[in-house]
Amino acid sequence: MVKQNELQIAVEETGLEQTKVETLMNSFGKYFQEAKTIAQEARAIVVTKEDQTELMQQAKEKRLRLRDIRGEADRTRKNLKEQSLREGNAIQGAFNIIKALIIPVEEHLEKQEKYAILKEEARLEKRFSERAMNLAKYNIDYAIYNFRDMTDEEFEYLLASVKTQYENRKEVEKTAELERVKAEEKLRKQQAEIQLENEALKKERDEQESKLKKENEKRLQAEAKINKLKEAKEREKRQEETAQRKASLAPDKEKLLQLADVIKSVQMPVMKSKEATEITVLVQGLLDKVAVFIHSKSENL
């Protein structure tokens, strides 16, 4: 075995048997020692110039050797892992055979050993299920009761108490339901009476409104008739006044029409000058307009 070093210390700290520690050291110790030596020598190689070709060559040789050592160590690792895996599989296989042989027998013997206990547990579980079903009939949260370990007398007392509470609760609910039904029936009757009263009031209101509407229509018809008579009388009065006024104004109207005829019949003298002729033409136009004006105004007399 090589002298104790970092590798040996690390392997021994894993807790492996001494023989396995020796096997690992024999397999990897030589690689560790050679790699450590080369690593120490490599740290002394420092190239600072381009012409230091010898140092460069040394660096290459040592790098390649370290690469070879790493490859050899990796192949050794794989071989040891394969052996270890086969060993582990063999160990597990042997154990599985022994386990397959022992476990069924253990289970059989345990059942025989605990026959009375298992029977008691089954009986207690059946009793618990039956008790739970009996309590569930009364619609309660039976989980609040620790009835698994009760004696039969204690459970019968609990069951009777729960049953009494259930029946009392049902009776209260029945009474409350009857009261609710009565209250709803009373409310329906009250609502029906109120509806009848409202319908009667509506009918009376409709009749009053209809009566008022008819009376209002009669009043409006009477007022319209009176207004129509008044308008007829006023129209007749205006016609009479107009006729009287026209009769009284007839002489004046005749005079105005005669005046218009006189104005229209005025003959303009013949002028020699152009300027005077233009004046007489304007005067003739004005006289014609005056005659038209008298005729239009006289129509309203």
Protein backbone atom coordinates (compact mmCIF):
# COMPACT_ATOMS: atom_id res chain seq x y z
CA MET A 1 0.00 0.00 0.00
CA VAL A 2 1.27 3.49 -0.81
CA LYS A 3 2.01 6.01 1.86
CA GLN A 4 -1.08 7.71 3.34
CA ASN A 5 -2.03 10.83 1.38
CA GLU A 6 -5.04 13.03 0.57
CA LEU A 7 -6.62 10.30 -1.57
CA GLN A 8 -6.31 7.63 1.13
CA ILE A 9 -7.72 9.95 3.78
CA ALA A 10 -10.72 10.79 1.59
CA VAL A 11 -11.41 7.11 0.85
CA GLU A 12 -11.11 6.02 4.49
CA GLU A 13 -13.56 8.77 5.55
CA THR A 14 -16.29 7.08 3.47
CA GLY A 15 -16.48 4.28 6.08
CA LEU A 16 -15.70 1.42 3.69
CA GLU A 17 -14.15 -1.83 4.91
CA GLN A 18 -10.36 -1.83 5.01
CA THR A 19 -10.09 -4.40 2.22
CA LYS A 20 -12.20 -2.20 -0.07
CA VAL A 21 -10.11 0.83 0.91
CA GLU A 22 -6.95 -1.10 -0.07
CA THR A 23 -8.54 -2.14 -3.36
CA LEU A 24 -9.38 1.47 -4.24
CA MET A 25 -5.91 2.68 -3.24
CA ASN A 26 -4.22 -0.06 -5.32
CA SER A 27 -6.41 0.90 -8.28
CA PHE A 28 -6.12 4.70 -8.10
CA GLY A 29 -3.03 5.34 -5.93
CA LYS A 30 -0.52 5.15 -8.76
CA TYR A 31 -2.55 7.59 -10.86
CA PHE A 32 -2.80 9.99 -7.95
CA GLN A 33 0.93 9.91 -7.20
CA GLU A 34 2.00 10.37 -10.80
CA ALA A 35 -0.55 13.13 -11.42
CA LYS A 36 0.49 14.92 -8.24
CA THR A 37 4.18 14.78 -9.25
CA ILE A 38 3.43 16.11 -12.74
CA ALA A 39 1.21 18.84 -11.30
CA GLN A 40 4.01 20.05 -9.02
CA GLU A 41 6.46 20.10 -11.96
CA ALA A 42 3.88 21.81 -14.20
CA ARG A 43 3.49 24.78 -11.85
CA ALA A 44 7.21 25.55 -12.40
CA ILE A 45 6.70 25.86 -16.15
CA VAL A 46 5.98 29.52 -16.93
CA VAL A 47 6.51 30.73 -20.51
CA THR A 48 7.21 34.45 -20.85
CA LYS A 49 8.85 34.65 -24.29
CA GLU A 50 8.08 33.34 -27.74
CA ASP A 51 11.49 31.73 -28.14
CA GLN A 52 11.12 29.47 -25.06
CA THR A 53 10.17 26.52 -27.27
CA GLU A 54 11.70 23.93 -24.93
CA LEU A 55 9.39 25.01 -22.08
CA MET A 56 6.46 24.98 -24.46
CA GLN A 57 7.31 21.40 -25.48
CA GLN A 58 7.60 20.33 -21.82
CA ALA A 59 4.16 21.87 -21.16
CA LYS A 60 2.69 19.89 -24.07
CA GLU A 61 4.27 16.59 -22.93
CA LYS A 62 3.07 16.96 -19.36
CA ARG A 63 -0.45 18.02 -20.50
CA LEU A 64 -0.71 14.97 -22.74
CA ARG A 65 0.53 12.70 -19.96
CA LEU A 66 -2.02 14.14 -17.53
CA ARG A 67 -4.72 13.53 -20.13
CA ASP A 68 -3.58 9.89 -20.44
CA ILE A 69 -3.59 9.46 -16.67
CA ARG A 70 -7.13 10.89 -16.49
CA GLY A 71 -8.28 8.49 -19.23
CA GLU A 72 -6.68 5.46 -17.52
CA ALA A 73 -8.21 6.43 -14.18
CA ASP A 74 -11.65 6.83 -15.82
CA ARG A 75 -11.44 3.36 -17.39
CA THR A 76 -10.45 1.92 -13.99
CA ARG A 77 -13.47 3.75 -12.45
CA LYS A 78 -15.85 2.23 -14.98
CA ASN A 79 -14.49 -1.30 -14.43
CA LEU A 80 -14.78 -0.98 -10.66
CA LYS A 81 -18.33 0.45 -10.93
CA GLU A 82 -19.39 -2.44 -13.17
CA GLN A 83 -17.97 -4.94 -10.68
CA SER A 84 -19.64 -3.07 -7.83
CA LEU A 85 -22.96 -2.99 -9.73
CA ARG A 86 -22.80 -6.73 -10.39
CA GLU A 87 -21.94 -7.32 -6.76
CA GLY A 88 -24.86 -5.12 -5.66
CA ASN A 89 -27.26 -6.92 -8.01
CA ALA A 90 -26.10 -10.26 -6.68
CA ILE A 91 -26.55 -9.10 -3.10
CA GLN A 92 -30.03 -7.70 -3.86
CA GLY A 93 -31.00 -10.91 -5.69
CA ALA A 94 -29.94 -13.12 -2.82
CA PHE A 95 -31.86 -10.91 -0.39
CA ASN A 96 -34.96 -10.95 -2.58
CA ILE A 97 -34.99 -14.75 -2.60
CA ILE A 98 -34.71 -14.90 1.17
CA LYS A 99 -37.31 -12.13 1.53
CA ALA A 100 -39.76 -13.92 -0.78
CA LEU A 101 -39.37 -17.05 1.30
CA ILE A 102 -39.75 -15.40 4.72
CA ILE A 103 -42.44 -12.66 4.30
CA PRO A 104 -45.44 -14.94 3.47
CA VAL A 105 -44.54 -17.20 6.38
CA GLU A 106 -44.14 -14.19 8.67
CA GLU A 107 -47.55 -12.89 7.64
CA HIS A 108 -49.14 -16.30 8.18
CA LEU A 109 -47.56 -16.67 11.60
CA GLU A 110 -48.53 -13.13 12.58
CA LYS A 111 -52.17 -13.90 11.72
CA GLN A 112 -52.04 -17.06 13.82
CA GLU A 113 -50.28 -15.20 16.62
CA LYS A 114 -52.84 -12.34 16.60
CA TYR A 115 -55.90 -14.41 15.73
CA ALA A 116 -57.80 -13.40 18.86
CA ILE A 117 -56.76 -9.73 18.51
CA LEU A 118 -57.80 -9.58 14.83
CA LYS A 119 -61.11 -11.24 15.59
CA GLU A 120 -61.72 -8.71 18.34
CA GLU A 121 -60.79 -5.83 16.06
CA ALA A 122 -63.16 -7.13 13.36
CA ARG A 123 -65.94 -7.51 15.91
CA LEU A 124 -65.34 -3.99 17.24
CA GLU A 125 -65.26 -2.56 13.70
CA LYS A 126 -68.53 -4.30 12.85
CA ARG A 127 -70.08 -3.01 16.08
CA PHE A 128 -68.84 0.51 15.30
CA SER A 129 -70.37 0.38 11.79
CA GLU A 130 -73.70 -0.85 13.16
CA ARG A 131 -73.73 1.86 15.82
CA ALA A 132 -72.91 4.51 13.24
CA MET A 133 -75.78 3.32 11.02
CA ASN A 134 -78.20 3.40 13.97
CA LEU A 135 -77.18 6.96 14.87
CA ALA A 136 -77.26 8.09 11.23
CA LYS A 137 -81.01 7.33 11.08
CA TYR A 138 -81.64 10.31 13.33
CA ASN A 139 -79.89 12.80 11.05
CA ILE A 140 -77.18 13.98 13.46
CA ASP A 141 -73.44 14.52 13.32
CA TYR A 142 -72.60 11.35 15.21
CA ALA A 143 -68.86 12.06 14.90
CA ILE A 144 -69.17 14.28 18.00
CA TYR A 145 -69.87 11.18 20.09
CA ASN A 146 -67.08 8.79 21.13
CA PHE A 147 -69.30 5.73 20.81
CA ARG A 148 -66.61 3.31 19.54
CA ASP A 149 -65.47 2.38 23.05
CA MET A 150 -68.85 2.65 24.81
CA THR A 151 -70.36 -0.36 26.50
CA ASP A 152 -73.61 -1.71 25.07
CA GLU A 153 -75.55 -0.16 27.97
CA GLU A 154 -73.91 3.25 27.42
CA PHE A 155 -74.61 3.13 23.69
CA GLU A 156 -78.24 2.12 24.18
CA TYR A 157 -78.65 5.10 26.52
CA LEU A 158 -77.03 7.40 23.92
CA LEU A 159 -79.20 5.96 21.14
CA ALA A 160 -82.37 6.42 23.17
CA SER A 161 -81.37 10.01 23.99
CA VAL A 162 -80.63 10.82 20.35
CA LYS A 163 -83.91 9.23 19.28
CA THR A 164 -85.86 11.29 21.82
CA GLN A 165 -84.14 14.49 20.65
CA TYR A 166 -84.89 13.57 17.04
CA GLU A 167 -88.57 12.91 17.74
CA ASN A 168 -88.88 16.13 19.77
CA ARG A 169 -87.19 18.07 16.98
CA LYS A 170 -89.53 16.51 14.43
CA GLU A 171 -92.55 17.40 16.57
CA VAL A 172 -91.36 20.99 16.87
CA GLU A 173 -90.75 21.12 13.12
CA LYS A 174 -94.23 19.66 12.48
CA THR A 175 -95.85 22.23 14.76
CA ALA A 176 -93.86 25.03 13.13
CA GLU A 177 -94.90 23.79 9.69
CA LEU A 178 -98.58 23.76 10.69
CA GLU A 179 -98.25 27.28 12.08
CA ARG A 180 -96.54 28.38 8.88
CA VAL A 181 -99.32 26.88 6.75
CA LYS A 182 -101.98 28.56 8.90
CA ALA A 183 -100.17 31.88 8.69
CA GLU A 184 -99.86 31.59 4.90
CA GLU A 185 -103.57 30.70 4.60
CA LYS A 186 -104.52 33.67 6.77
CA LEU A 187 -102.29 35.93 4.69
CA ARG A 188 -103.85 34.63 1.46
CA LYS A 189 -107.36 35.35 2.79
CA GLN A 190 -106.34 38.86 3.85
CA GLN A 191 -104.79 39.49 0.44
CA ALA A 192 -107.95 38.17 -1.28
CA GLU A 193 -110.16 40.49 0.84
CA ILE A 194 -107.88 43.44 0.10
CA GLN A 195 -108.02 42.59 -3.61
CA LEU A 196 -111.84 42.49 -3.54
CA GLU A 197 -111.94 45.82 -1.73
CA ASN A 198 -109.54 47.32 -4.23
CA GLU A 199 -111.60 46.00 -7.13
CA ALA A 200 -114.78 47.45 -5.59
CA LEU A 201 -113.10 50.81 -5.04
CA LYS A 202 -111.76 50.75 -8.59
CA LYS A 203 -115.23 49.97 -9.96
CA GLU A 204 -116.77 52.81 -7.94
CA ARG A 205 -114.00 55.18 -9.05
CA ASP A 206 -114.46 54.14 -12.69
CA GLU A 207 -118.22 54.71 -12.44
CA GLN A 208 -117.71 58.16 -10.91
CA GLU A 209 -115.15 59.04 -13.57
CA SER A 210 -117.53 57.82 -16.30
CA LYS A 211 -120.38 59.87 -14.80
CA LEU A 212 -118.20 62.97 -14.56
CA LYS A 213 -117.03 62.41 -18.12
CA LYS A 214 -120.60 62.23 -19.41
CA GLU A 215 -121.62 65.31 -17.42
CA ASN A 216 -118.59 67.16 -18.72
CA GLU A 217 -119.45 66.15 -22.29
CA LYS A 218 -123.04 67.40 -21.82
CA ARG A 219 -121.76 70.66 -20.36
CA LEU A 220 -119.32 71.12 -23.25
CA GLN A 221 -122.08 70.36 -25.78
CA ALA A 222 -124.38 72.91 -24.10
CA GLU A 223 -121.61 75.51 -24.02
CA ALA A 224 -120.81 74.80 -27.66
CA LYS A 225 -124.48 75.22 -28.59
CA ILE A 226 -124.71 78.49 -26.65
CA ASN A 227 -121.48 79.74 -28.24
CA LYS A 228 -122.76 78.77 -31.66
CA LEU A 229 -126.00 80.74 -31.10
CA LYS A 230 -124.05 83.73 -29.80
CA GLU A 231 -121.71 83.62 -32.82
CA ALA A 232 -124.71 83.43 -35.15
CA LYS A 233 -126.35 86.42 -33.47
CA GLU A 234 -123.09 88.40 -33.52
CA ARG A 235 -122.54 87.51 -37.21
CA GLU A 236 -126.12 88.59 -38.02
CA LYS A 237 -125.62 91.80 -36.08
CA ARG A 238 -122.37 92.54 -37.93
CA GLN A 239 -124.06 91.88 -41.25
CA GLU A 240 -126.88 94.26 -40.35
CA GLU A 241 -124.43 96.93 -39.22
CA THR A 242 -122.40 96.50 -42.42
CA ALA A 243 -125.54 96.81 -44.55
CA GLN A 244 -126.65 99.89 -42.63
CA ARG A 245 -123.21 101.43 -42.94
CA LYS A 246 -123.10 100.71 -46.67
CA ALA A 247 -126.56 102.19 -47.08
CA SER A 248 -125.56 105.32 -45.23
CA LEU A 249 -122.33 105.60 -47.17
CA ALA A 250 -123.79 104.83 -50.57
CA PRO A 251 -124.14 108.53 -51.64
CA ASP A 252 -120.56 109.26 -50.68
CA LYS A 253 -119.33 106.15 -52.49
CA GLU A 254 -121.18 107.25 -55.61
CA LYS A 255 -119.64 110.71 -55.36
CA LEU A 256 -116.16 109.24 -54.96
CA LEU A 257 -116.63 106.99 -57.96
CA GLN A 258 -117.81 109.94 -60.01
CA LEU A 259 -114.74 111.85 -58.83
CA ALA A 260 -112.53 109.00 -59.94
CA ASP A 261 -114.20 109.03 -63.35
CA VAL A 262 -113.70 112.79 -63.63
CA ILE A 263 -110.02 112.49 -62.67
CA LYS A 264 -109.51 109.66 -65.12
CA SER A 265 -111.23 111.63 -67.94
CA VAL A 266 -109.01 114.70 -67.58
CA GLN A 267 -107.22 115.30 -70.89
CA MET A 268 -103.64 116.59 -70.83
CA PRO A 269 -102.89 119.49 -73.17
CA VAL A 270 -100.52 118.86 -76.03
CA MET A 271 -97.12 120.34 -75.27
CA LYS A 272 -94.51 121.43 -77.70
CA SER A 273 -91.43 120.83 -75.66
CA LYS A 274 -90.16 117.44 -74.68
CA GLU A 275 -89.79 118.45 -71.06
CA ALA A 276 -93.37 119.66 -70.80
CA THR A 277 -94.60 116.49 -72.52
CA GLU A 278 -92.76 114.36 -69.97
CA ILE A 279 -94.45 116.30 -67.15
CA THR A 280 -97.91 115.80 -68.65
CA VAL A 281 -97.17 112.04 -68.98
CA LEU A 282 -96.21 111.89 -65.30
CA VAL A 283 -99.29 113.84 -64.29
CA GLN A 284 -101.51 111.50 -66.34
CA GLY A 285 -99.92 108.53 -64.55
CA LEU A 286 -100.50 110.09 -61.14
CA LEU A 287 -104.11 110.87 -62.00
CA ASP A 288 -104.66 107.27 -63.08
CA LYS A 289 -103.22 106.07 -59.77
CA VAL A 290 -105.44 108.46 -57.84
CA ALA A 291 -108.48 107.13 -59.70
CA VAL A 292 -107.48 103.52 -58.91
CA PHE A 293 -106.87 104.45 -55.28
CA ILE A 294 -110.37 106.03 -55.00
CA HIS A 295 -111.99 102.94 -56.56
CA SER A 296 -110.15 100.51 -54.19
CA LYS A 297 -110.98 102.47 -51.07
CA SER A 298 -114.58 102.99 -52.10
CA GLU A 299 -115.15 99.22 -52.21
CA ASN A 300 -114.99 99.13 -48.36
CA LEU A 301 -117.76 101.76 -48.01
